[in-house]
Amino acid sequence: MIKNSEYAQEYELINSKYDTTIISNISDLINSQKYNYGDLIHFSFINYLESFFVGKDGKLIRNNDITEEGNLIIPYEITRHLDDALEKYKLIKGWYMMELDHRDKTLLKYLKNVNKNYLYYIIQNYYNKDLALKVLFPNNNYRVFEIQKTSMDDIDKFYKGSLLPQIKITVILEINKYSKEKIEYLRKKMILPNVWTRTLQYLYDENEFLRKCIEFIGPEKEKKNLISLLNSYFSPKNILFTYEIQNI
C-alpha cells in the first residue's frame, strides 16, 4: 500500500478544450503541471461528472457517481493503494463518499477486526463534516452506521439478521395534528436494534395533510420487539401512530 507522502491536490482545467471522452492518462494533458497519485482534476465547474482522479502510472479515472446526484465519489481503484485515505484527502472538501480498503487505518481504528468480505464506504456530511459508515454486504443489502458508535460485532449482527425472512413495518404519523413540542420530540433519533434499517419520507394525503412515514425493514421474528420499542418511544408524549406490516 502507498503511504500518504503528501495530500491530494485539486486542479482545474475548466477552460481547456480537452475531450474527456478520449483522454485516459495525464500524458494526454498538454501542460507543465506535475500531478501525483490521487490528485483530482476538474474539467467542468458545473458538477463532478467531468472530474478525474490520477491513478497509477498516470491513468485518469473518471468520477463514478454511484449516487447519480452529482456527487464526488473517491473510488476503490484509488483508495485500495492507500493506508489512510481520509488523511490523503484531507484538503479535498467537496467529496461525498469514499470506498475504503479493509486495511485502511480509519476502519482499523473504529472496527478493529475488519471483516474483509464486506465493502466499506465513508460518507461525509456536507454541513457538519460528521462521518458515517455505509457497509455493503454479500447479499447486496446495506446499512449506514454511526462509525464512532459501531463495532464489527454490530455490523456482523445486522448481516446475519438480513439473511432471515424480512418484513417492512411502515409507521404513519399525522404530524399536522401535533404540537411543536411533539414535533421537536420526533426529531430525536430512536435507537434501533442492529438488525433494523430505517428510512423516512414525508407525504401529503388527499386532504393535503402532511404525514410522516417511517419504514423499518428487518427480520420477521423481531416484529414484536420493534412494535414494543415503538410504543415505548411514542407513548410518553401521547403520540398516536398507525403502522402497516408487509412481507418482503
Protein backbone atom coordinates (compact mmCIF):
# COMPACT_ATOMS: atom_id res chain seq x y z
CA MET A 1 0.00 0.00 0.00
CA ILE A 2 1.07 3.58 -0.61
CA LYS A 3 1.82 5.71 2.44
CA ASN A 4 0.47 9.25 2.27
CA SER A 5 3.65 11.13 1.47
CA GLU A 6 1.59 14.21 0.58
CA TYR A 7 -2.03 15.33 0.46
CA ALA A 8 -4.08 15.01 -2.71
CA GLN A 9 -4.46 18.32 -4.58
CA GLU A 10 -7.21 19.72 -6.82
CA TYR A 11 -6.58 21.25 -10.24
CA GLU A 12 -8.96 22.97 -12.63
CA LEU A 13 -8.70 22.78 -16.40
CA ILE A 14 -12.10 24.38 -16.86
CA ASN A 15 -11.35 26.44 -19.96
CA SER A 16 -9.40 23.74 -21.71
CA LYS A 17 -10.65 22.08 -24.87
CA TYR A 18 -9.88 18.51 -23.85
CA ASP A 19 -12.35 15.87 -24.98
CA THR A 20 -12.95 13.98 -21.72
CA THR A 21 -14.38 11.02 -23.64
CA ILE A 22 -10.95 10.42 -25.15
CA ILE A 23 -8.29 11.35 -22.59
CA SER A 24 -7.12 8.43 -20.45
CA ASN A 25 -3.76 9.46 -18.99
CA ILE A 26 -2.06 12.60 -17.68
CA SER A 27 0.29 12.23 -20.65
CA ASP A 28 -2.69 13.38 -22.78
CA LEU A 29 -2.65 16.76 -21.00
CA ILE A 30 -0.58 19.46 -22.61
CA ASN A 31 0.69 21.44 -19.62
CA SER A 32 3.70 21.53 -17.36
CA GLN A 33 1.85 20.66 -14.15
CA LYS A 34 3.26 17.74 -12.19
CA TYR A 35 0.44 15.51 -10.95
CA ASN A 36 0.72 12.97 -8.16
CA TYR A 37 -1.16 9.81 -7.34
CA GLY A 38 -4.66 10.57 -6.07
CA ASP A 39 -4.79 14.18 -7.32
CA LEU A 40 -8.12 15.45 -8.61
CA ILE A 41 -8.53 17.24 -11.96
CA HIS A 42 -11.75 19.09 -12.82
CA PHE A 43 -12.68 19.81 -16.46
CA SER A 44 -16.05 21.41 -15.61
CA PHE A 45 -17.35 23.72 -12.87
CA ILE A 46 -20.97 22.56 -13.30
CA ASN A 47 -20.69 19.23 -11.47
CA TYR A 48 -18.28 16.39 -10.80
CA LEU A 49 -19.16 14.35 -13.89
CA GLU A 50 -16.11 15.81 -15.64
CA SER A 51 -13.73 15.20 -12.74
CA PHE A 52 -10.89 12.66 -12.82
CA PHE A 53 -8.53 11.11 -10.28
CA VAL A 54 -4.88 10.43 -11.10
CA GLY A 55 -4.25 6.73 -10.69
CA LYS A 56 -1.21 4.51 -11.01
CA ASP A 57 1.11 5.26 -13.95
CA GLY A 58 -0.83 8.47 -14.59
CA LYS A 59 -4.11 6.75 -15.51
CA LEU A 60 -7.10 9.11 -15.38
CA ILE A 61 -10.08 7.64 -13.51
CA ARG A 62 -13.40 9.38 -14.09
CA ASN A 63 -15.53 10.18 -11.04
CA ASN A 64 -18.08 7.37 -10.80
CA ASP A 65 -21.06 8.95 -9.09
CA ILE A 66 -22.95 5.84 -7.97
CA THR A 67 -25.50 8.10 -6.21
CA GLU A 68 -26.46 9.69 -9.57
CA GLU A 69 -26.81 13.04 -7.79
CA GLY A 70 -23.70 14.84 -8.99
CA ASN A 71 -21.55 13.81 -6.02
CA LEU A 72 -17.81 13.33 -5.86
CA ILE A 73 -17.02 9.70 -5.01
CA ILE A 74 -13.42 8.71 -4.26
CA PRO A 75 -13.13 5.23 -5.82
CA TYR A 76 -11.69 1.98 -4.55
CA GLU A 77 -9.34 1.94 -7.52
CA ILE A 78 -7.58 4.83 -5.78
CA THR A 79 -8.09 4.07 -2.08
CA ARG A 80 -7.10 0.40 -2.32
CA HIS A 81 -3.48 1.54 -2.61
CA LEU A 82 -3.62 3.93 0.36
CA ASP A 83 -3.10 3.12 4.01
CA ASP A 84 -5.09 6.18 5.20
CA ALA A 85 -7.47 7.56 2.56
CA LEU A 86 -9.11 10.12 4.87
CA GLU A 87 -5.74 11.67 5.61
CA LYS A 88 -4.75 11.62 1.93
CA TYR A 89 -7.88 13.63 1.01
CA LYS A 90 -7.76 15.96 4.00
CA LEU A 91 -7.56 19.05 1.77
CA ILE A 92 -10.35 17.99 -0.62
CA LYS A 93 -13.53 19.44 0.86
CA GLY A 94 -16.18 18.56 -1.70
CA TRP A 95 -16.19 14.76 -1.65
CA TYR A 96 -19.33 12.95 -0.53
CA MET A 97 -18.24 9.33 -0.24
CA MET A 98 -15.12 7.19 -0.49
CA GLU A 99 -14.78 3.43 -0.62
CA LEU A 100 -12.15 2.12 1.77
CA ASP A 101 -9.93 -0.94 1.66
CA HIS A 102 -10.48 -3.21 4.66
CA ARG A 103 -6.89 -2.46 5.74
CA ASP A 104 -7.44 1.31 5.90
CA LYS A 105 -6.42 3.00 9.16
CA THR A 106 -9.86 4.57 9.71
CA LEU A 107 -11.60 1.19 9.68
CA LEU A 108 -8.94 -0.38 11.86
CA LYS A 109 -9.26 2.48 14.34
CA TYR A 110 -13.00 2.11 14.86
CA LEU A 111 -13.77 -1.52 13.99
CA LYS A 112 -10.53 -3.26 14.99
CA ASN A 113 -11.02 -6.71 13.39
CA VAL A 114 -12.41 -5.71 9.99
CA ASN A 115 -14.37 -8.32 8.02
CA LYS A 116 -12.86 -8.24 4.51
CA ASN A 117 -15.97 -9.82 2.96
CA TYR A 118 -17.90 -6.54 3.16
CA LEU A 119 -17.49 -3.30 1.19
CA TYR A 120 -16.98 -0.15 3.26
CA TYR A 121 -17.82 3.44 2.33
CA ILE A 122 -17.21 6.56 4.38
CA ILE A 123 -19.91 9.22 3.88
CA GLN A 124 -19.20 12.83 4.74
CA ASN A 125 -21.96 15.18 5.87
CA TYR A 126 -21.71 18.39 3.81
CA TYR A 127 -22.87 20.58 6.67
CA ASN A 128 -21.07 19.45 9.83
CA LYS A 129 -18.42 17.12 8.32
CA ASP A 130 -19.57 14.23 10.51
CA LEU A 131 -18.66 10.83 9.12
CA ALA A 132 -20.95 7.83 8.65
CA LEU A 133 -20.06 4.30 7.58
CA LYS A 134 -22.02 2.58 4.81
CA VAL A 135 -21.48 -1.18 4.62
CA LEU A 136 -22.49 -3.25 1.58
CA PHE A 137 -22.95 -6.96 2.29
CA PRO A 138 -22.55 -10.06 0.08
CA ASN A 139 -26.35 -10.37 -0.29
CA ASN A 140 -26.47 -6.76 -1.67
CA ASN A 141 -28.12 -5.42 1.47
CA TYR A 142 -26.53 -2.38 3.06
CA ARG A 143 -26.82 -0.22 6.11
CA VAL A 144 -25.40 3.12 7.22
CA PHE A 145 -23.86 3.12 10.71
CA GLU A 146 -22.57 5.84 13.03
CA ILE A 147 -18.90 4.99 12.75
CA GLN A 148 -17.91 6.22 16.22
CA LYS A 149 -20.65 4.16 17.90
CA THR A 150 -20.35 0.96 15.88
CA SER A 151 -18.36 -2.21 16.39
CA MET A 152 -17.59 -5.02 13.97
CA ASP A 153 -19.91 -7.19 16.05
CA ASP A 154 -22.79 -4.73 15.41
CA ILE A 155 -22.17 -4.95 11.67
CA ASP A 156 -21.98 -8.76 11.68
CA LYS A 157 -25.24 -8.96 13.66
CA PHE A 158 -27.02 -6.84 11.07
CA TYR A 159 -25.76 -9.01 8.22
CA LYS A 160 -26.85 -12.25 9.93
CA GLY A 161 -30.26 -10.71 10.60
CA SER A 162 -30.61 -9.64 6.96
CA LEU A 163 -30.33 -13.30 5.90
CA LEU A 164 -33.56 -14.15 7.76
CA PRO A 165 -37.10 -13.67 6.31
CA GLN A 166 -37.71 -9.90 6.22
CA ILE A 167 -40.71 -7.65 6.82
CA LYS A 168 -41.36 -3.95 6.32
CA ILE A 169 -43.19 -2.02 9.04
CA THR A 170 -44.41 1.39 7.89
CA VAL A 171 -45.26 3.79 10.70
CA ILE A 172 -47.58 6.67 9.79
CA LEU A 173 -47.68 9.86 11.84
CA GLU A 174 -50.21 12.65 11.23
CA ILE A 175 -47.74 15.36 12.19
CA ASN A 176 -50.02 18.22 11.14
CA LYS A 177 -52.01 17.45 14.30
CA TYR A 178 -49.03 17.62 16.65
CA SER A 179 -47.86 20.43 18.88
CA LYS A 180 -44.43 21.99 18.40
CA GLU A 181 -43.24 20.07 21.46
CA LYS A 182 -44.21 16.73 19.93
CA ILE A 183 -42.66 17.59 16.58
CA GLU A 184 -39.43 18.54 18.34
CA TYR A 185 -39.52 15.22 20.21
CA LEU A 186 -39.88 13.33 16.93
CA ARG A 187 -36.68 14.89 15.66
CA LYS A 188 -34.74 12.91 18.23
CA LYS A 189 -33.24 9.69 16.95
CA MET A 190 -34.83 6.47 18.07
CA ILE A 191 -32.12 3.97 18.98
CA LEU A 192 -32.78 0.85 16.92
CA PRO A 193 -31.53 -2.71 17.43
CA ASN A 194 -28.75 -3.53 14.97
CA VAL A 195 -30.92 -5.79 12.81
CA TRP A 196 -33.22 -2.98 11.58
CA THR A 197 -32.83 -0.29 8.92
CA ARG A 198 -34.94 2.86 8.78
CA THR A 199 -35.94 5.28 6.03
CA LEU A 200 -38.02 8.42 6.34
CA GLN A 201 -40.28 10.29 3.96
CA TYR A 202 -42.95 12.98 4.13
CA LEU A 203 -46.19 12.56 2.17
CA TYR A 204 -49.34 14.60 1.64
CA ASP A 205 -52.66 12.76 1.73
CA GLU A 206 -55.73 13.55 -0.37
CA ASN A 207 -56.65 16.38 2.01
CA GLU A 208 -53.18 17.90 1.76
CA PHE A 209 -52.34 16.94 5.35
CA LEU A 210 -48.68 16.24 5.92
CA ARG A 211 -47.84 12.72 7.02
CA LYS A 212 -44.51 11.43 8.27
CA CYS A 213 -43.86 7.86 7.18
CA ILE A 214 -41.04 5.82 8.71
CA GLU A 215 -40.20 2.48 7.12
CA PHE A 216 -38.43 -0.15 9.18
CA ILE A 217 -37.01 -3.26 7.48
CA GLY A 218 -35.75 -6.21 9.48
CA PRO A 219 -36.25 -9.87 10.44
CA GLU A 220 -39.85 -11.05 10.78
CA LYS A 221 -39.02 -12.78 14.06
CA GLU A 222 -38.10 -9.38 15.60
CA LYS A 223 -41.51 -7.84 14.79
CA LYS A 224 -42.89 -7.88 18.36
CA ASN A 225 -39.71 -6.36 19.74
CA LEU A 226 -39.85 -3.45 17.29
CA ILE A 227 -43.53 -2.73 17.93
CA SER A 228 -42.82 -2.75 21.67
CA LEU A 229 -39.97 -0.30 21.08
CA LEU A 230 -42.25 1.99 19.02
CA ASN A 231 -44.83 2.04 21.80
CA SER A 232 -42.22 2.86 24.43
CA TYR A 233 -40.91 5.70 22.23
CA PHE A 234 -44.24 7.33 21.29
CA SER A 235 -46.37 6.68 24.39
CA PRO A 236 -44.62 9.07 26.84
CA LYS A 237 -45.65 12.01 24.62
CA ASN A 238 -49.10 10.58 23.81
CA ILE A 239 -48.20 10.45 20.14
CA LEU A 240 -50.71 8.39 18.21
CA PHE A 241 -49.47 6.37 15.26
CA THR A 242 -50.61 3.63 12.93
CA TYR A 243 -48.49 1.04 11.19
CA GLU A 244 -48.70 -1.41 8.32
CA ILE A 245 -46.78 -4.69 8.03
CA GLN A 246 -45.68 -6.20 4.73
CA ASN A 247 -43.65 -9.31 3.96
CA ILE A 248 -40.77 -8.66 1.57
